[in-house]
Amino acid sequence: MTLAYGKMPLDRCTNQRNNKRWLSTEFNHPDTLFCVINDGMSLFEQTDELNPIYLSKTQLPTLHLDSCIYLGKGSLAKGDLSKDSGKNKLAAVSIFTIDFNKLHFSTQEELMEVGQWQGLRKVTANLSAIDASILALAKGLVHWHISHQFCGHCGNANRAVEAGHARRCTDCRNMSFPRTDPAVIMLVEKMFSDGIPRCLLGRQASWAEGMYSTLAGFVDPGETLEQAVIREVIEESAIEIENPQYVASQPWPFPASIMLGFTAVASSEKIDTNQDSLEDAQWFSRQQLSQFSLNNSVTDDGDCTQYKMSSGDSISSYLITAWLNKEIGQY
């Protein structure tokens, strides 16, 4: 099992993209590709297979370099950019992204006829890992530009610079850069007196009915990742833990985070969710987890179980599945 959004094949060309001549050459190269982000959604073919649409410069005749964000350059097989587009090797190709709202109105109308707009997380399971990673990066950077139009120091307008990887205030010249908020997410386990190990999962009231996930929270200023794991578990469930162990990380530009996955061992058992945002939290055995589903399932006695796994593109699902399969954890 691999983590979604983390297989980025592109060289972000940090040293080259500030060279205006180099950037202009890449922008106007006939092989250069462009992906458009529309209110957080990406453009896909109007077929059931939902292959993402990467446009050429000739399909965007009114496009201006200053409106685009440079994503990177990579030697990609055509099949990397859609599952069924062949296996012929391309030369190193640059990819840009652009906010749909920055396009000329006539181009916007044409794109409405070319394909369909879909939220990335709804279709990730049908995409190649490379497509999902590129589109996630595009989504994250476009969102950052939308949310940082004004200077945090003086309030005047910011302008995109450095191929879209920074914004400079038009008045005080303060520079802003894309930031990623670190968030810890943890699979907490405990060996119970009956000899059965269980893991701690919780749910928020706004989630789909029956969905449970690993606990998670943002890292506070001035604390280590391990301290954040301990604090978040206590705050959300009143469970005390020890021995946080790092497992893996996942880019999560929804809108601007990186998820840092951990395991930890509980030293207490009684759950209390009254102090924080969780609606409920419970201990689940591996036998119970094996009956979880993305949809409601029916048990042998005919009762409909209420439990569902968190979405398959998330590191939460990765951690739960790895623990279920005894790939992580102490028990």
C-alpha atoms as a PDB file:
ATOM      1  CA  MET A   1       0.000   0.000   0.000  1.00  0.00           C
ATOM      2  CA  THR A   2       1.380   3.403  -1.005  1.00  0.00           C
ATOM      3  CA  LEU A   3       0.461   6.861   0.187  1.00  0.00           C
ATOM      4  CA  ALA A   4      -1.395   9.117  -2.224  1.00  0.00           C
ATOM      5  CA  TYR A   5       0.036  12.464  -3.402  1.00  0.00           C
ATOM      6  CA  GLY A   6       3.617  11.599  -2.475  1.00  0.00           C
ATOM      7  CA  LYS A   7       5.043  10.316  -5.769  1.00  0.00           C
ATOM      8  CA  MET A   8       6.210  13.602  -7.254  1.00  0.00           C
ATOM      9  CA  PRO A   9       8.298  13.010 -10.417  1.00  0.00           C
ATOM     10  CA  LEU A  10       9.045  16.640 -11.244  1.00  0.00           C
ATOM     11  CA  ASP A  11      12.264  18.546 -10.693  1.00  0.00           C
ATOM     12  CA  ARG A  12      11.000  21.885  -9.389  1.00  0.00           C
ATOM     13  CA  CYS A  13      13.996  23.607 -11.052  1.00  0.00           C
ATOM     14  CA  THR A  14      14.494  25.990  -8.143  1.00  0.00           C
ATOM     15  CA  ASN A  15      17.723  27.415  -9.541  1.00  0.00           C
ATOM     16  CA  GLN A  16      16.489  27.812 -13.108  1.00  0.00           C
ATOM     17  CA  ARG A  17      12.933  29.096 -12.675  1.00  0.00           C
ATOM     18  CA  ASN A  18      14.123  32.558 -11.541  1.00  0.00           C
ATOM     19  CA  ASN A  19      15.839  32.997 -14.916  1.00  0.00           C
ATOM     20  CA  LYS A  20      13.205  34.831 -16.958  1.00  0.00           C
ATOM     21  CA  ARG A  21      14.704  33.801 -20.294  1.00  0.00           C
ATOM     22  CA  TRP A  22      14.790  30.118 -19.293  1.00  0.00           C
ATOM     23  CA  LEU A  23      11.261  30.289 -17.915  1.00  0.00           C
ATOM     24  CA  SER A  24       9.932  31.977 -21.053  1.00  0.00           C
ATOM     25  CA  THR A  25      11.543  29.285 -23.206  1.00  0.00           C
ATOM     26  CA  GLU A  26       9.899  26.560 -21.152  1.00  0.00           C
ATOM     27  CA  PHE A  27       6.554  28.374 -21.218  1.00  0.00           C
ATOM     28  CA  ASN A  28       6.573  28.599 -25.015  1.00  0.00           C
ATOM     29  CA  HIS A  29       8.005  25.133 -25.702  1.00  0.00           C
ATOM     30  CA  PRO A  30       5.569  23.052 -27.821  1.00  0.00           C
ATOM     31  CA  ASP A  31       5.797  20.076 -25.441  1.00  0.00           C
ATOM     32  CA  THR A  32       5.034  22.086 -22.294  1.00  0.00           C
ATOM     33  CA  LEU A  33       1.830  21.089 -20.505  1.00  0.00           C
ATOM     34  CA  PHE A  34      -0.658  23.094 -18.457  1.00  0.00           C
ATOM     35  CA  CYS A  35      -3.178  21.968 -15.852  1.00  0.00           C
ATOM     36  CA  VAL A  36      -6.030  24.273 -14.855  1.00  0.00           C
ATOM     37  CA  ILE A  37      -7.460  24.467 -11.334  1.00  0.00           C
ATOM     38  CA  ASN A  38     -11.045  25.696 -11.013  1.00  0.00           C
ATOM     39  CA  ASP A  39     -12.238  26.372  -7.465  1.00  0.00           C
ATOM     40  CA  GLY A  40     -10.023  23.537  -6.220  1.00  0.00           C
ATOM     41  CA  MET A  41     -11.159  21.148  -8.962  1.00  0.00           C
ATOM     42  CA  SER A  42      -9.161  19.663 -11.847  1.00  0.00           C
ATOM     43  CA  LEU A  43     -10.177  19.016 -15.446  1.00  0.00           C
ATOM     44  CA  PHE A  44     -10.808  15.427 -16.563  1.00  0.00           C
ATOM     45  CA  GLU A  45     -11.949  13.708 -19.722  1.00  0.00           C
ATOM     46  CA  GLN A  46     -15.686  13.254 -20.088  1.00  0.00           C
ATOM     47  CA  THR A  47     -15.399   9.496 -19.754  1.00  0.00           C
ATOM     48  CA  ASP A  48     -15.829   7.031 -16.925  1.00  0.00           C
ATOM     49  CA  GLU A  49     -12.037   6.553 -16.722  1.00  0.00           C
ATOM     50  CA  LEU A  50     -11.529  10.187 -15.648  1.00  0.00           C
ATOM     51  CA  ASN A  51      -8.085  10.715 -17.151  1.00  0.00           C
ATOM     52  CA  PRO A  52      -6.770  14.199 -16.269  1.00  0.00           C
ATOM     53  CA  ILE A  53      -6.487  16.709 -19.079  1.00  0.00           C
ATOM     54  CA  TYR A  54      -3.141  18.456 -19.557  1.00  0.00           C
ATOM     55  CA  LEU A  55      -3.408  21.240 -22.108  1.00  0.00           C
ATOM     56  CA  SER A  56      -0.860  22.547 -24.593  1.00  0.00           C
ATOM     57  CA  LYS A  57       0.028  26.185 -25.186  1.00  0.00           C
ATOM     58  CA  THR A  58      -1.879  26.155 -28.489  1.00  0.00           C
ATOM     59  CA  GLN A  59      -5.047  25.211 -26.571  1.00  0.00           C
ATOM     60  CA  LEU A  60      -4.566  28.281 -24.353  1.00  0.00           C
ATOM     61  CA  PRO A  61      -3.712  30.988 -26.897  1.00  0.00           C
ATOM     62  CA  THR A  62      -4.407  33.952 -24.581  1.00  0.00           C
ATOM     63  CA  LEU A  63      -2.340  32.553 -21.712  1.00  0.00           C
ATOM     64  CA  HIS A  64       0.317  34.828 -20.200  1.00  0.00           C
ATOM     65  CA  LEU A  65       3.406  33.620 -18.369  1.00  0.00           C
ATOM     66  CA  ASP A  66       2.864  35.969 -15.417  1.00  0.00           C
ATOM     67  CA  SER A  67      -0.471  34.277 -14.691  1.00  0.00           C
ATOM     68  CA  CYS A  68       1.043  30.797 -14.460  1.00  0.00           C
ATOM     69  CA  ILE A  69       2.782  28.848 -11.704  1.00  0.00           C
ATOM     70  CA  TYR A  70       5.702  26.649 -12.640  1.00  0.00           C
ATOM     71  CA  LEU A  71       5.365  23.141 -11.188  1.00  0.00           C
ATOM     72  CA  GLY A  72       8.478  21.447 -12.507  1.00  0.00           C
ATOM     73  CA  LYS A  73      10.094  19.406 -15.238  1.00  0.00           C
ATOM     74  CA  GLY A  74      10.413  15.675 -15.686  1.00  0.00           C
ATOM     75  CA  SER A  75      11.165  12.952 -18.211  1.00  0.00           C
ATOM     76  CA  LEU A  76       7.812  11.228 -18.081  1.00  0.00           C
ATOM     77  CA  ALA A  77       6.319   8.330 -19.945  1.00  0.00           C
ATOM     78  CA  LYS A  78       3.042   9.285 -21.554  1.00  0.00           C
ATOM     79  CA  GLY A  79       1.387   6.675 -19.405  1.00  0.00           C
ATOM     80  CA  ASP A  80       2.512   8.619 -16.339  1.00  0.00           C
ATOM     81  CA  LEU A  81       0.166  11.447 -17.263  1.00  0.00           C
ATOM     82  CA  SER A  82      -2.867   9.229 -17.857  1.00  0.00           C
ATOM     83  CA  LYS A  83      -3.286   5.518 -17.436  1.00  0.00           C
ATOM     84  CA  ASP A  84      -4.026   4.611 -21.035  1.00  0.00           C
ATOM     85  CA  SER A  85      -2.124   7.145 -23.106  1.00  0.00           C
ATOM     86  CA  GLY A  86       0.671   4.834 -24.141  1.00  0.00           C
ATOM     87  CA  LYS A  87       4.220   4.034 -23.109  1.00  0.00           C
ATOM     88  CA  ASN A  88       6.286   6.190 -25.449  1.00  0.00           C
ATOM     89  CA  LYS A  89       8.994   8.126 -23.674  1.00  0.00           C
ATOM     90  CA  LEU A  90       8.885  11.903 -23.773  1.00  0.00           C
ATOM     91  CA  ALA A  91      11.769  14.304 -23.481  1.00  0.00           C
ATOM     92  CA  ALA A  92      11.906  16.302 -20.269  1.00  0.00           C
ATOM     93  CA  VAL A  93       8.601  18.193 -20.117  1.00  0.00           C
ATOM     94  CA  SER A  94       7.762  21.280 -18.100  1.00  0.00           C
ATOM     95  CA  ILE A  95       4.354  21.561 -16.441  1.00  0.00           C
ATOM     96  CA  PHE A  96       2.639  24.777 -15.372  1.00  0.00           C
ATOM     97  CA  THR A  97      -0.633  25.345 -13.566  1.00  0.00           C
ATOM     98  CA  ILE A  98      -3.050  28.246 -13.668  1.00  0.00           C
ATOM     99  CA  ASP A  99      -6.150  29.411 -11.839  1.00  0.00           C
ATOM    100  CA  PHE A 100      -9.213  29.059 -14.079  1.00  0.00           C
ATOM    101  CA  ASN A 101     -10.337  32.557 -13.061  1.00  0.00           C
ATOM    102  CA  LYS A 102      -7.203  34.053 -14.619  1.00  0.00           C
ATOM    103  CA  LEU A 103      -8.083  32.725 -18.068  1.00  0.00           C
ATOM    104  CA  HIS A 104      -9.796  34.768 -20.765  1.00  0.00           C
ATOM    105  CA  PHE A 105     -13.575  34.319 -20.758  1.00  0.00           C
ATOM    106  CA  SER A 106     -13.578  32.687 -24.208  1.00  0.00           C
ATOM    107  CA  THR A 107     -11.023  30.113 -22.995  1.00  0.00           C
ATOM    108  CA  GLN A 108     -13.132  29.410 -19.922  1.00  0.00           C
ATOM    109  CA  GLU A 109     -16.133  28.657 -22.141  1.00  0.00           C
ATOM    110  CA  GLU A 110     -14.067  26.332 -24.331  1.00  0.00           C
ATOM    111  CA  LEU A 111     -12.763  24.394 -21.319  1.00  0.00           C
ATOM    112  CA  MET A 112     -16.314  23.826 -20.126  1.00  0.00           C
ATOM    113  CA  GLU A 113     -16.850  21.859 -23.349  1.00  0.00           C
ATOM    114  CA  VAL A 114     -13.527  19.990 -23.255  1.00  0.00           C
ATOM    115  CA  GLY A 115     -13.981  18.004 -20.070  1.00  0.00           C
ATOM    116  CA  GLN A 116     -15.520  17.782 -16.623  1.00  0.00           C
ATOM    117  CA  TRP A 117     -14.417  19.339 -13.358  1.00  0.00           C
ATOM    118  CA  GLN A 118     -13.913  17.050 -10.379  1.00  0.00           C
ATOM    119  CA  GLY A 119     -12.501  17.443  -6.884  1.00  0.00           C
ATOM    120  CA  LEU A 120      -9.178  15.611  -6.704  1.00  0.00           C
ATOM    121  CA  ARG A 121      -9.958  13.511  -3.628  1.00  0.00           C
ATOM    122  CA  LYS A 122     -13.114  12.146  -5.251  1.00  0.00           C
ATOM    123  CA  VAL A 123     -11.169  10.609  -8.129  1.00  0.00           C
ATOM    124  CA  THR A 124      -7.718   9.867  -6.672  1.00  0.00           C
ATOM    125  CA  ALA A 125      -8.409   6.129  -6.549  1.00  0.00           C
ATOM    126  CA  ASN A 126      -8.755   6.147 -10.360  1.00  0.00           C
ATOM    127  CA  LEU A 127      -5.558   8.104 -11.032  1.00  0.00           C
ATOM    128  CA  SER A 128      -1.938   7.118 -11.371  1.00  0.00           C
ATOM    129  CA  ALA A 129       0.177   8.053  -8.356  1.00  0.00           C
ATOM    130  CA  ILE A 130       2.065  10.557 -10.512  1.00  0.00           C
ATOM    131  CA  ASP A 131      -1.060  12.296 -11.793  1.00  0.00           C
ATOM    132  CA  ALA A 132      -2.441  12.536  -8.257  1.00  0.00           C
ATOM    133  CA  SER A 133       0.818  14.050  -6.991  1.00  0.00           C
ATOM    134  CA  ILE A 134       1.079  16.638  -9.771  1.00  0.00           C
ATOM    135  CA  LEU A 135      -2.556  17.720  -9.438  1.00  0.00           C
ATOM    136  CA  ALA A 136      -2.240  17.946  -5.656  1.00  0.00           C
ATOM    137  CA  LEU A 137       0.764  20.256  -6.012  1.00  0.00           C
ATOM    138  CA  ALA A 138      -1.126  22.382  -8.531  1.00  0.00           C
ATOM    139  CA  LYS A 139      -4.158  22.605  -6.273  1.00  0.00           C
ATOM    140  CA  GLY A 140      -2.066  23.575  -3.257  1.00  0.00           C
ATOM    141  CA  LEU A 141      -0.132  26.333  -5.022  1.00  0.00           C
ATOM    142  CA  VAL A 142      -3.210  27.846  -6.665  1.00  0.00           C
ATOM    143  CA  HIS A 143      -4.967  27.925  -3.290  1.00  0.00           C
ATOM    144  CA  TRP A 144      -1.942  29.612  -1.692  1.00  0.00           C
ATOM    145  CA  HIS A 145      -1.997  32.408  -4.265  1.00  0.00           C
ATOM    146  CA  ILE A 146      -5.727  32.968  -3.781  1.00  0.00           C
ATOM    147  CA  SER A 147      -5.347  33.155   0.006  1.00  0.00           C
ATOM    148  CA  HIS A 148      -2.263  35.437  -0.022  1.00  0.00           C
ATOM    149  CA  GLN A 149      -3.312  38.259  -2.304  1.00  0.00           C
ATOM    150  CA  PHE A 150      -2.463  40.899   0.294  1.00  0.00           C
ATOM    151  CA  CYS A 151       0.628  41.622   2.351  1.00  0.00           C
ATOM    152  CA  GLY A 152       0.555  40.401   5.932  1.00  0.00           C
ATOM    153  CA  HIS A 153       2.693  43.369   7.025  1.00  0.00           C
ATOM    154  CA  CYS A 154       1.069  46.431   5.443  1.00  0.00           C
ATOM    155  CA  GLY A 155      -2.094  45.113   3.776  1.00  0.00           C
ATOM    156  CA  ASN A 156      -1.246  46.213   0.246  1.00  0.00           C
ATOM    157  CA  ALA A 157      -1.518  43.931  -2.768  1.00  0.00           C
ATOM    158  CA  ASN A 158       0.957  41.111  -3.332  1.00  0.00           C
ATOM    159  CA  ARG A 159       2.220  40.182  -6.783  1.00  0.00           C
ATOM    160  CA  ALA A 160       3.404  36.738  -7.871  1.00  0.00           C
ATOM    161  CA  VAL A 161       7.154  36.401  -8.449  1.00  0.00           C
ATOM    162  CA  GLU A 162       9.689  33.577  -8.823  1.00  0.00           C
ATOM    163  CA  ALA A 163       7.550  31.640 -11.280  1.00  0.00           C
ATOM    164  CA  GLY A 164       4.669  31.618  -8.796  1.00  0.00           C
ATOM    165  CA  HIS A 165       6.678  30.291  -5.844  1.00  0.00           C
ATOM    166  CA  ALA A 166       6.635  33.584  -3.960  1.00  0.00           C
ATOM    167  CA  ARG A 167       4.625  36.793  -3.693  1.00  0.00           C
ATOM    168  CA  ARG A 168       6.088  40.276  -3.192  1.00  0.00           C
ATOM    169  CA  CYS A 169       4.232  43.231  -1.688  1.00  0.00           C
ATOM    170  CA  THR A 170       3.799  46.042  -4.199  1.00  0.00           C
ATOM    171  CA  ASP A 171       4.436  48.609  -1.456  1.00  0.00           C
ATOM    172  CA  CYS A 172       6.744  47.434   1.356  1.00  0.00           C
ATOM    173  CA  ARG A 173       8.357  44.694  -0.805  1.00  0.00           C
ATOM    174  CA  ASN A 174       7.828  42.047   1.861  1.00  0.00           C
ATOM    175  CA  MET A 175       8.205  38.535   0.442  1.00  0.00           C
ATOM    176  CA  SER A 176       5.756  35.710   1.185  1.00  0.00           C
ATOM    177  CA  PHE A 177       6.411  32.044   0.415  1.00  0.00           C
ATOM    178  CA  PRO A 178       4.144  28.977   0.338  1.00  0.00           C
ATOM    179  CA  ARG A 179       4.005  27.378   3.769  1.00  0.00           C
ATOM    180  CA  THR A 180       3.001  23.887   4.832  1.00  0.00           C
ATOM    181  CA  ASP A 181       1.364  23.336   8.216  1.00  0.00           C
ATOM    182  CA  PRO A 182       2.686  20.207   9.980  1.00  0.00           C
ATOM    183  CA  ALA A 183       0.019  17.942  11.460  1.00  0.00           C
ATOM    184  CA  VAL A 184       0.599  14.735  13.413  1.00  0.00           C
ATOM    185  CA  ILE A 185      -1.660  11.734  12.946  1.00  0.00           C
ATOM    186  CA  MET A 186      -1.296   8.691  15.166  1.00  0.00           C
ATOM    187  CA  LEU A 187      -2.287   5.061  15.493  1.00  0.00           C
ATOM    188  CA  VAL A 188      -2.543   4.538  19.252  1.00  0.00           C
ATOM    189  CA  GLU A 189      -2.532   0.911  20.403  1.00  0.00           C
ATOM    190  CA  LYS A 190      -2.924  -0.900  23.722  1.00  0.00           C
ATOM    191  CA  MET A 191      -2.763  -4.510  24.894  1.00  0.00           C
ATOM    192  CA  PHE A 192      -5.881  -5.152  26.984  1.00  0.00           C
ATOM    193  CA  SER A 193      -6.206  -7.494  29.964  1.00  0.00           C
ATOM    194  CA  ASP A 194      -8.024 -10.045  27.797  1.00  0.00           C
ATOM    195  CA  GLY A 195      -4.860 -10.429  25.702  1.00  0.00           C
ATOM    196  CA  ILE A 196      -6.345  -8.667  22.682  1.00  0.00           C
ATOM    197  CA  PRO A 197      -4.559  -5.586  21.297  1.00  0.00           C
ATOM    198  CA  ARG A 198      -6.791  -2.716  20.231  1.00  0.00           C
ATOM    199  CA  CYS A 199      -6.270   0.632  18.518  1.00  0.00           C
ATOM    200  CA  LEU A 200      -7.902   3.966  19.291  1.00  0.00           C
ATOM    201  CA  LEU A 201     -10.065   5.604  16.615  1.00  0.00           C
ATOM    202  CA  GLY A 202     -12.347   8.611  16.788  1.00  0.00           C
ATOM    203  CA  ARG A 203     -14.878  10.519  14.725  1.00  0.00           C
ATOM    204  CA  GLN A 204     -16.169  14.048  14.319  1.00  0.00           C
ATOM    205  CA  ALA A 205     -19.884  14.765  14.087  1.00  0.00           C
ATOM    206  CA  SER A 206     -19.506  16.288  10.596  1.00  0.00           C
ATOM    207  CA  TRP A 207     -18.134  13.075   9.083  1.00  0.00           C
ATOM    208  CA  ALA A 208     -20.110  10.468   7.172  1.00  0.00           C
ATOM    209  CA  GLU A 209     -22.170   8.275   9.480  1.00  0.00           C
ATOM    210  CA  GLY A 210     -20.098   5.500  11.027  1.00  0.00           C
ATOM    211  CA  MET A 211     -16.716   6.746   9.808  1.00  0.00           C
ATOM    212  CA  TYR A 212     -13.806   6.462  12.251  1.00  0.00           C
ATOM    213  CA  SER A 213     -10.223   7.608  11.846  1.00  0.00           C
ATOM    214  CA  THR A 214      -6.947   7.843  13.687  1.00  0.00           C
ATOM    215  CA  LEU A 215      -6.566  10.907  15.905  1.00  0.00           C
ATOM    216  CA  ALA A 216      -4.762  13.908  14.475  1.00  0.00           C
ATOM    217  CA  GLY A 217      -3.941  17.540  15.127  1.00  0.00           C
ATOM    218  CA  PHE A 218      -1.685  20.429  14.190  1.00  0.00           C
ATOM    219  CA  VAL A 219       1.743  20.931  15.714  1.00  0.00           C
ATOM    220  CA  ASP A 220       1.888  23.935  18.043  1.00  0.00           C
ATOM    221  CA  PRO A 221       4.754  26.439  17.998  1.00  0.00           C
ATOM    222  CA  GLY A 222       7.585  25.436  20.289  1.00  0.00           C
ATOM    223  CA  GLU A 223       6.874  21.709  20.512  1.00  0.00           C
ATOM    224  CA  THR A 224       8.417  18.632  18.959  1.00  0.00           C
ATOM    225  CA  LEU A 225       6.426  16.247  16.812  1.00  0.00           C
ATOM    226  CA  GLU A 226       6.486  13.685  19.621  1.00  0.00           C
ATOM    227  CA  GLN A 227       5.156  16.248  22.088  1.00  0.00           C
ATOM    228  CA  ALA A 228       2.385  17.129  19.655  1.00  0.00           C
ATOM    229  CA  VAL A 229       1.372  13.453  19.393  1.00  0.00           C
ATOM    230  CA  ILE A 230       1.137  13.121  23.185  1.00  0.00           C
ATOM    231  CA  ARG A 231      -0.733  16.414  23.620  1.00  0.00           C
ATOM    232  CA  GLU A 232      -3.273  15.814  20.860  1.00  0.00           C
ATOM    233  CA  VAL A 233      -4.203  12.338  22.098  1.00  0.00           C
ATOM    234  CA  ILE A 234      -4.741  13.604  25.639  1.00  0.00           C
ATOM    235  CA  GLU A 235      -6.754  16.610  24.450  1.00  0.00           C
ATOM    236  CA  GLU A 236      -9.020  14.585  22.186  1.00  0.00           C
ATOM    237  CA  SER A 237      -9.504  11.398  24.176  1.00  0.00           C
ATOM    238  CA  ALA A 238      -7.938  11.824  27.662  1.00  0.00           C
ATOM    239  CA  ILE A 239      -5.764   8.781  26.844  1.00  0.00           C
ATOM    240  CA  GLU A 240      -2.177   8.966  28.057  1.00  0.00           C
ATOM    241  CA  ILE A 241       0.428   7.576  25.674  1.00  0.00           C
ATOM    242  CA  GLU A 242       4.134   6.901  25.487  1.00  0.00           C
ATOM    243  CA  ASN A 243       6.830   5.985  22.959  1.00  0.00           C
ATOM    244  CA  PRO A 244       5.642   7.887  19.851  1.00  0.00           C
ATOM    245  CA  GLN A 245       7.353   6.362  16.803  1.00  0.00           C
ATOM    246  CA  TYR A 246       7.471   7.990  13.370  1.00  0.00           C
ATOM    247  CA  VAL A 247       6.095   5.870  10.499  1.00  0.00           C
ATOM    248  CA  ALA A 248       5.631   7.938   7.323  1.00  0.00           C
ATOM    249  CA  SER A 249       4.540  11.318   5.979  1.00  0.00           C
ATOM    250  CA  GLN A 250       2.054  12.424   3.333  1.00  0.00           C
ATOM    251  CA  PRO A 251       1.616  15.711   1.458  1.00  0.00           C
ATOM    252  CA  TRP A 252      -1.898  16.943   2.186  1.00  0.00           C
ATOM    253  CA  PRO A 253      -2.589  20.162   0.242  1.00  0.00           C
ATOM    254  CA  PHE A 254      -6.223  20.310   1.380  1.00  0.00           C
ATOM    255  CA  PRO A 255      -5.468  23.113   1.668  1.00  0.00           C
ATOM    256  CA  ALA A 256      -1.873  23.314   3.003  1.00  0.00           C
ATOM    257  CA  SER A 257      -0.637  20.571   5.339  1.00  0.00           C
ATOM    258  CA  ILE A 258       1.765  17.692   5.597  1.00  0.00           C
ATOM    259  CA  MET A 259       0.603  14.721   7.651  1.00  0.00           C
ATOM    260  CA  LEU A 260       3.248  13.108   9.868  1.00  0.00           C
ATOM    261  CA  GLY A 261       2.227   9.579  10.801  1.00  0.00           C
ATOM    262  CA  PHE A 262       3.118   7.982  14.139  1.00  0.00           C
ATOM    263  CA  THR A 263       2.347   4.989  16.285  1.00  0.00           C
ATOM    264  CA  ALA A 264       2.181   5.204  20.085  1.00  0.00           C
ATOM    265  CA  VAL A 265       1.351   2.953  23.021  1.00  0.00           C
ATOM    266  CA  ALA A 266      -1.443   3.900  25.437  1.00  0.00           C
ATOM    267  CA  SER A 267      -0.782   3.733  29.168  1.00  0.00           C
ATOM    268  CA  SER A 268      -4.420   4.382  30.100  1.00  0.00           C
ATOM    269  CA  GLU A 269      -7.711   2.938  28.872  1.00  0.00           C
ATOM    270  CA  LYS A 270     -10.694   5.126  29.811  1.00  0.00           C
ATOM    271  CA  ILE A 271     -11.762   7.459  26.994  1.00  0.00           C
ATOM    272  CA  ASP A 272     -13.246  10.929  27.554  1.00  0.00           C
ATOM    273  CA  THR A 273     -14.126  13.032  24.502  1.00  0.00           C
ATOM    274  CA  ASN A 274     -15.974  15.803  26.354  1.00  0.00           C
ATOM    275  CA  GLN A 275     -13.019  18.192  26.348  1.00  0.00           C
ATOM    276  CA  ASP A 276     -12.401  18.504  22.600  1.00  0.00           C
ATOM    277  CA  SER A 277     -13.889  18.251  19.109  1.00  0.00           C
ATOM    278  CA  LEU A 278     -14.499  14.509  18.802  1.00  0.00           C
ATOM    279  CA  GLU A 279     -18.046  13.197  18.848  1.00  0.00           C
ATOM    280  CA  ASP A 280     -16.854   9.735  19.863  1.00  0.00           C
ATOM    281  CA  ALA A 281     -13.760   7.566  20.244  1.00  0.00           C
ATOM    282  CA  GLN A 282     -13.502   3.817  20.730  1.00  0.00           C
ATOM    283  CA  TRP A 283     -11.007   0.956  21.019  1.00  0.00           C
ATOM    284  CA  PHE A 284     -11.137  -1.487  18.090  1.00  0.00           C
ATOM    285  CA  SER A 285      -9.557  -4.917  17.759  1.00  0.00           C
ATOM    286  CA  ARG A 286      -8.105  -6.244  14.531  1.00  0.00           C
ATOM    287  CA  GLN A 287     -11.091  -8.553  14.196  1.00  0.00           C
ATOM    288  CA  GLN A 288     -13.414  -5.537  14.352  1.00  0.00           C
ATOM    289  CA  LEU A 289     -11.298  -3.543  11.899  1.00  0.00           C
ATOM    290  CA  SER A 290     -11.436  -6.402   9.407  1.00  0.00           C
ATOM    291  CA  GLN A 291     -15.201  -5.810   9.188  1.00  0.00           C
ATOM    292  CA  PHE A 292     -14.840  -2.077   8.477  1.00  0.00           C
ATOM    293  CA  SER A 293     -15.894  -0.962   5.030  1.00  0.00           C
ATOM    294  CA  LEU A 294     -16.189   2.133   2.917  1.00  0.00           C
ATOM    295  CA  ASN A 295     -19.860   1.202   2.845  1.00  0.00           C
ATOM    296  CA  ASN A 296     -22.103  -0.327   5.487  1.00  0.00           C
ATOM    297  CA  SER A 297     -21.698  -4.087   5.736  1.00  0.00           C
ATOM    298  CA  VAL A 298     -24.039  -6.762   7.070  1.00  0.00           C
ATOM    299  CA  THR A 299     -22.937  -9.126   9.827  1.00  0.00           C
ATOM    300  CA  ASP A 300     -23.843 -12.817  10.123  1.00  0.00           C
ATOM    301  CA  ASP A 301     -26.829 -12.078  12.306  1.00  0.00           C
ATOM    302  CA  GLY A 302     -28.225  -9.597   9.797  1.00  0.00           C
ATOM    303  CA  ASP A 303     -27.410  -6.429  11.734  1.00  0.00           C
ATOM    304  CA  CYS A 304     -25.925  -3.563   9.759  1.00  0.00           C
ATOM    305  CA  THR A 305     -22.578  -2.489  11.202  1.00  0.00           C
ATOM    306  CA  GLN A 306     -22.065   1.238  11.562  1.00  0.00           C
ATOM    307  CA  TYR A 307     -18.319   1.353  11.075  1.00  0.00           C
ATOM    308  CA  LYS A 308     -16.449   2.643   8.031  1.00  0.00           C
ATOM    309  CA  MET A 309     -12.794   3.190   7.278  1.00  0.00           C
ATOM    310  CA  SER A 310     -11.527   6.701   6.624  1.00  0.00           C
ATOM    311  CA  SER A 311     -10.977   7.580   2.952  1.00  0.00           C
ATOM    312  CA  GLY A 312      -8.510   5.380   1.091  1.00  0.00           C
ATOM    313  CA  ASP A 313      -6.304   8.268  -0.056  1.00  0.00           C
ATOM    314  CA  SER A 314      -5.496   9.291   3.526  1.00  0.00           C
ATOM    315  CA  ILE A 315      -2.570   8.358   5.739  1.00  0.00           C
ATOM    316  CA  SER A 316      -5.172   7.463   8.373  1.00  0.00           C
ATOM    317  CA  SER A 317      -6.356   4.597   6.200  1.00  0.00           C
ATOM    318  CA  TYR A 318      -2.713   3.663   5.583  1.00  0.00           C
ATOM    319  CA  LEU A 319      -1.934   3.495   9.314  1.00  0.00           C
ATOM    320  CA  ILE A 320      -5.071   1.538  10.187  1.00  0.00           C
ATOM    321  CA  THR A 321      -4.503  -0.970   7.392  1.00  0.00           C
ATOM    322  CA  ALA A 322      -0.816  -1.366   8.280  1.00  0.00           C
ATOM    323  CA  TRP A 323      -1.713  -2.028  11.922  1.00  0.00           C
ATOM    324  CA  LEU A 324      -4.454  -4.443  10.894  1.00  0.00           C
ATOM    325  CA  ASN A 325      -1.876  -6.365   8.857  1.00  0.00           C
ATOM    326  CA  LYS A 326       0.664  -6.219  11.734  1.00  0.00           C
ATOM    327  CA  GLU A 327       3.082  -4.166   9.640  1.00  0.00           C
ATOM    328  CA  ILE A 328       3.396  -1.468  12.309  1.00  0.00           C
ATOM    329  CA  GLY A 329       2.962  -1.323  16.077  1.00  0.00           C
ATOM    330  CA  GLN A 330       4.243  -3.341  19.013  1.00  0.00           C
ATOM    331  CA  TYR A 331       1.308  -5.707  19.416  1.00  0.00           C
END
